[in-house]
Amino acid sequence: MTFTGFPDAGLVFYEGLEADNTRSYWTDHRAEYEAHVRAPLQALLDEVAPEFGGDAKVFRPYRDVRFSNDKTPYKTHAGAVVHDSGSGTGAWYVQVSAEGLLVAGGSWRLESDQVERYRRAVDSDVPGGALEQEVARLRGAGFTIEGDRLVRSPRGYPADHPRIDLLRHRSLHASRHWPPAGWLHTRQAATRVRDSWREFSALNRWLADNVGATTVERSPRR
């Protein structure tokens, strides 16, 4: 299948799912999800992902409700990811929903050994300064910088450290969101995803060079 855009019917499907997140709605409208959401998302991934290497996958539509107070069974968005298999750290992400299109890159989860290496690198002038510049560049290009962060300074680092904001991070990623618009239903969506993912490549390279893969055994995630 050639990617031609995300049909409006896919966004309408998610509007309905937000209003009625039940098994009966899902069963009645699953064909719409498969045709107008999953199929174009897979086609987009097939087209764009090879440039970025690593393992690519579309996430399952079911929520893991085991440890959540929210027991609604289905995600109200569809997401796909390309992991940087060479580093075991960075990734490129895309998500479509009734709210439009979201792209992101970086790391969403660092284990304790990775956090330690990340902070050592941020503390050092050369790698730390390089990350500071890259984060500033991404912000200047319109991306939002996010990630799990400590409220206070991490142990062993002074509150007046020149890169204390980065040191508080336990994960680090950049993202951009576009609300629904006509271009989302065209091939321009693939161009925006590809161009944004290229913007994230320097951040992922920094993570690969300075953080790397974890040696901690991770619990499985959906």
Protein backbone atom coordinates (compact mmCIF):
# COMPACT_ATOMS: atom_id res chain seq x y z
CA MET A 1 0.00 0.00 0.00
CA THR A 2 1.27 3.47 -0.92
CA PHE A 3 0.84 6.17 1.69
CA THR A 4 -1.50 8.90 0.43
CA GLY A 5 -2.36 10.56 3.74
CA PHE A 6 -4.53 9.89 6.77
CA PRO A 7 -8.21 9.80 5.72
CA ASP A 8 -10.62 12.03 7.58
CA ALA A 9 -12.60 8.88 8.35
CA GLY A 10 -9.77 7.80 10.66
CA LEU A 11 -10.06 10.97 12.71
CA VAL A 12 -13.83 10.56 12.82
CA PHE A 13 -13.30 7.02 14.11
CA TYR A 14 -11.26 8.38 17.03
CA GLU A 15 -13.85 11.07 17.76
CA GLY A 16 -16.37 8.27 18.15
CA LEU A 17 -14.00 6.20 20.28
CA GLU A 18 -13.39 9.13 22.62
CA ALA A 19 -17.14 9.41 23.13
CA ASP A 20 -17.75 5.66 23.46
CA ASN A 21 -14.63 3.77 24.51
CA THR A 22 -16.31 0.37 24.73
CA ARG A 23 -15.88 -3.06 23.22
CA SER A 24 -19.14 -2.72 21.35
CA TYR A 25 -18.04 0.48 19.62
CA TRP A 26 -14.70 -1.11 18.76
CA THR A 27 -16.34 -4.23 17.37
CA ASP A 28 -18.80 -2.24 15.27
CA HIS A 29 -16.12 0.09 13.87
CA ARG A 30 -13.01 -2.08 13.74
CA ALA A 31 -13.06 -2.22 9.95
CA GLU A 32 -12.80 1.58 9.90
CA TYR A 33 -9.79 1.45 12.22
CA GLU A 34 -8.07 -1.14 10.03
CA ALA A 35 -8.74 0.69 6.76
CA HIS A 36 -8.43 4.34 7.76
CA VAL A 37 -5.97 4.28 10.67
CA ARG A 38 -3.77 1.22 10.85
CA ALA A 39 -3.29 0.66 7.12
CA PRO A 40 -2.15 4.22 6.31
CA LEU A 41 0.00 4.35 9.45
CA GLN A 42 1.75 1.12 8.43
CA ALA A 43 2.16 2.48 4.90
CA LEU A 44 3.74 5.64 6.29
CA LEU A 45 6.10 3.60 8.44
CA ASP A 46 7.06 1.36 5.51
CA GLU A 47 7.95 4.43 3.47
CA VAL A 48 9.73 6.59 6.03
CA ALA A 49 11.32 4.18 8.50
CA PRO A 50 14.08 2.63 6.31
CA GLU A 51 16.00 5.91 6.30
CA PHE A 52 16.30 5.76 10.08
CA GLY A 53 17.18 2.10 10.51
CA GLY A 54 16.37 0.00 13.51
CA ASP A 55 13.20 -1.86 14.35
CA ALA A 56 9.88 -0.30 13.29
CA LYS A 57 6.47 -1.19 14.63
CA VAL A 58 2.90 0.04 14.98
CA PHE A 59 1.70 -0.11 18.57
CA ARG A 60 -1.31 -2.19 19.55
CA PRO A 61 -4.60 -0.29 19.98
CA TYR A 62 -5.34 -1.83 23.38
CA ARG A 63 -4.51 -0.08 26.63
CA ASP A 64 -2.69 -1.86 29.46
CA VAL A 65 -5.13 -1.19 32.30
CA ARG A 66 -3.59 -3.48 34.92
CA PHE A 67 -2.10 -0.65 36.98
CA SER A 68 -4.32 2.22 35.88
CA ASN A 69 -7.41 3.75 37.45
CA ASP A 70 -8.64 4.43 33.93
CA LYS A 71 -10.09 1.13 32.73
CA THR A 72 -11.14 2.24 29.25
CA PRO A 73 -9.89 -0.56 26.99
CA TYR A 74 -8.68 1.27 23.87
CA LYS A 75 -6.13 3.95 23.09
CA THR A 76 -7.60 7.09 21.55
CA HIS A 77 -4.62 7.44 19.23
CA ALA A 78 -2.50 5.23 16.97
CA GLY A 79 1.26 5.34 17.35
CA ALA A 80 4.30 3.90 15.61
CA VAL A 81 7.97 3.91 16.53
CA VAL A 82 11.38 3.26 15.02
CA HIS A 83 13.98 2.29 17.60
CA ASP A 84 17.63 3.10 17.06
CA SER A 85 18.85 -0.48 17.25
CA GLY A 86 22.47 0.60 17.24
CA SER A 87 22.18 2.57 20.49
CA GLY A 88 19.34 0.95 22.44
CA THR A 89 18.41 4.46 23.58
CA GLY A 90 16.88 6.84 21.05
CA ALA A 91 13.76 6.46 18.93
CA TRP A 92 11.55 8.23 16.40
CA TYR A 93 7.79 8.33 17.04
CA VAL A 94 4.63 9.33 15.16
CA GLN A 95 1.04 9.45 16.41
CA VAL A 96 -2.31 10.22 14.78
CA SER A 97 -5.59 10.89 16.56
CA ALA A 98 -8.68 13.09 16.44
CA GLU A 99 -6.34 15.83 17.73
CA GLY A 100 -4.15 15.63 14.61
CA LEU A 101 -0.55 14.51 14.11
CA LEU A 102 2.29 14.31 16.65
CA VAL A 103 5.95 13.55 15.98
CA ALA A 104 8.65 12.98 18.59
CA GLY A 105 12.19 11.77 19.01
CA GLY A 106 14.63 10.95 21.79
CA SER A 107 14.26 8.71 24.82
CA TRP A 108 11.11 8.10 26.86
CA ARG A 109 12.61 5.71 29.38
CA LEU A 110 16.10 5.53 30.83
CA GLU A 111 17.09 2.88 33.35
CA SER A 112 19.20 3.73 36.40
CA ASP A 113 22.53 2.96 34.70
CA GLN A 114 21.56 5.09 31.70
CA VAL A 115 20.49 8.00 33.91
CA GLU A 116 23.87 7.89 35.61
CA ARG A 117 25.74 8.01 32.29
CA TYR A 118 23.41 10.71 31.00
CA ARG A 119 24.12 12.95 34.00
CA ARG A 120 27.87 12.40 33.80
CA ALA A 121 27.77 13.48 30.17
CA VAL A 122 25.60 16.53 30.86
CA ASP A 123 27.96 17.51 33.69
CA SER A 124 30.97 17.40 31.34
CA ASP A 125 31.60 20.57 29.36
CA VAL A 126 32.00 19.07 25.90
CA PRO A 127 29.10 16.57 25.67
CA GLY A 128 26.99 18.64 28.07
CA GLY A 129 27.52 21.80 26.06
CA ALA A 130 26.70 19.95 22.84
CA LEU A 131 23.40 18.70 24.27
CA GLU A 132 22.56 22.18 25.57
CA GLN A 133 23.09 23.60 22.09
CA GLU A 134 21.03 20.86 20.45
CA VAL A 135 18.14 21.33 22.87
CA ALA A 136 18.24 25.09 22.21
CA ARG A 137 18.24 24.45 18.46
CA LEU A 138 15.23 22.15 18.68
CA ARG A 139 13.32 24.66 20.81
CA GLY A 140 14.18 27.39 18.30
CA ALA A 141 12.84 25.18 15.51
CA GLY A 142 9.48 24.92 17.26
CA PHE A 143 9.83 21.63 19.11
CA THR A 144 8.81 21.08 22.73
CA ILE A 145 11.41 19.51 25.04
CA GLU A 146 9.93 17.05 27.53
CA GLY A 147 10.79 14.04 29.65
CA ASP A 148 10.54 12.68 33.17
CA ARG A 149 12.22 15.22 35.48
CA LEU A 150 13.12 15.61 39.13
CA VAL A 151 11.64 18.58 40.96
CA ARG A 152 14.91 19.15 42.80
CA SER A 153 18.54 18.90 41.80
CA PRO A 154 19.83 15.34 41.56
CA ARG A 155 22.10 14.21 44.37
CA GLY A 156 25.68 15.25 43.88
CA TYR A 157 24.98 18.21 41.58
CA PRO A 158 24.71 21.82 42.79
CA ALA A 159 21.49 23.76 42.25
CA ASP A 160 23.45 26.48 40.42
CA HIS A 161 24.97 24.07 37.87
CA PRO A 162 24.88 25.80 34.45
CA ARG A 163 22.94 22.85 32.98
CA ILE A 164 20.83 22.00 36.02
CA ASP A 165 17.63 21.90 33.96
CA LEU A 166 19.06 19.12 31.78
CA LEU A 167 20.52 17.34 34.81
CA ARG A 168 17.05 17.03 36.33
CA HIS A 169 15.88 14.95 33.38
CA ARG A 170 15.48 11.20 33.77
CA SER A 171 14.47 10.95 30.12
CA LEU A 172 14.61 13.43 27.27
CA HIS A 173 12.60 13.80 24.11
CA ALA A 174 11.41 16.46 21.69
CA SER A 175 8.00 16.69 20.04
CA ARG A 176 5.75 18.74 17.81
CA HIS A 177 1.97 18.57 17.36
CA TRP A 178 -0.19 19.78 14.48
CA PRO A 179 -4.00 20.02 14.78
CA PRO A 180 -6.12 18.51 11.99
CA ALA A 181 -5.73 20.28 8.66
CA GLY A 182 -6.18 19.46 4.99
CA TRP A 183 -2.53 18.47 4.46
CA LEU A 184 -2.95 15.60 6.94
CA HIS A 185 -5.02 13.80 4.31
CA THR A 186 -2.27 14.06 1.69
CA ARG A 187 1.28 12.88 1.15
CA GLN A 188 2.47 16.06 2.83
CA ALA A 189 1.97 14.21 6.12
CA ALA A 190 4.82 11.86 5.19
CA THR A 191 7.04 14.84 4.34
CA ARG A 192 6.38 16.45 7.72
CA VAL A 193 7.12 13.23 9.58
CA ARG A 194 10.33 12.59 7.63
CA ASP A 195 11.58 16.17 7.99
CA SER A 196 10.84 16.19 11.73
CA TRP A 197 12.51 12.82 12.29
CA ARG A 198 15.62 14.16 10.58
CA GLU A 199 15.58 17.02 13.09
CA PHE A 200 15.68 14.46 15.92
CA SER A 201 18.65 12.54 14.53
CA ALA A 202 21.29 14.67 16.29
CA LEU A 203 19.56 14.19 19.65
CA ASN A 204 19.41 10.44 19.11
CA ARG A 205 23.09 10.38 18.12
CA TRP A 206 23.98 12.22 21.32
CA LEU A 207 22.06 9.67 23.35
CA ALA A 208 23.74 6.81 21.50
CA ASP A 209 27.23 8.25 22.00
CA ASN A 210 26.84 9.30 25.62
CA VAL A 211 24.18 7.05 27.18
CA GLY A 212 23.94 3.82 25.20
CA ALA A 213 21.99 0.69 25.96
CA THR A 214 21.08 -0.40 29.46
CA THR A 215 22.42 -3.46 31.23
CA VAL A 216 19.30 -3.56 33.43
CA GLU A 217 16.74 -6.15 32.44
CA ARG A 218 13.59 -4.33 31.41
CA SER A 219 10.08 -5.51 32.09
CA PRO A 220 8.04 -6.01 28.90
CA ARG A 221 5.98 -3.07 27.65
CA ARG A 222 3.28 -2.78 25.07
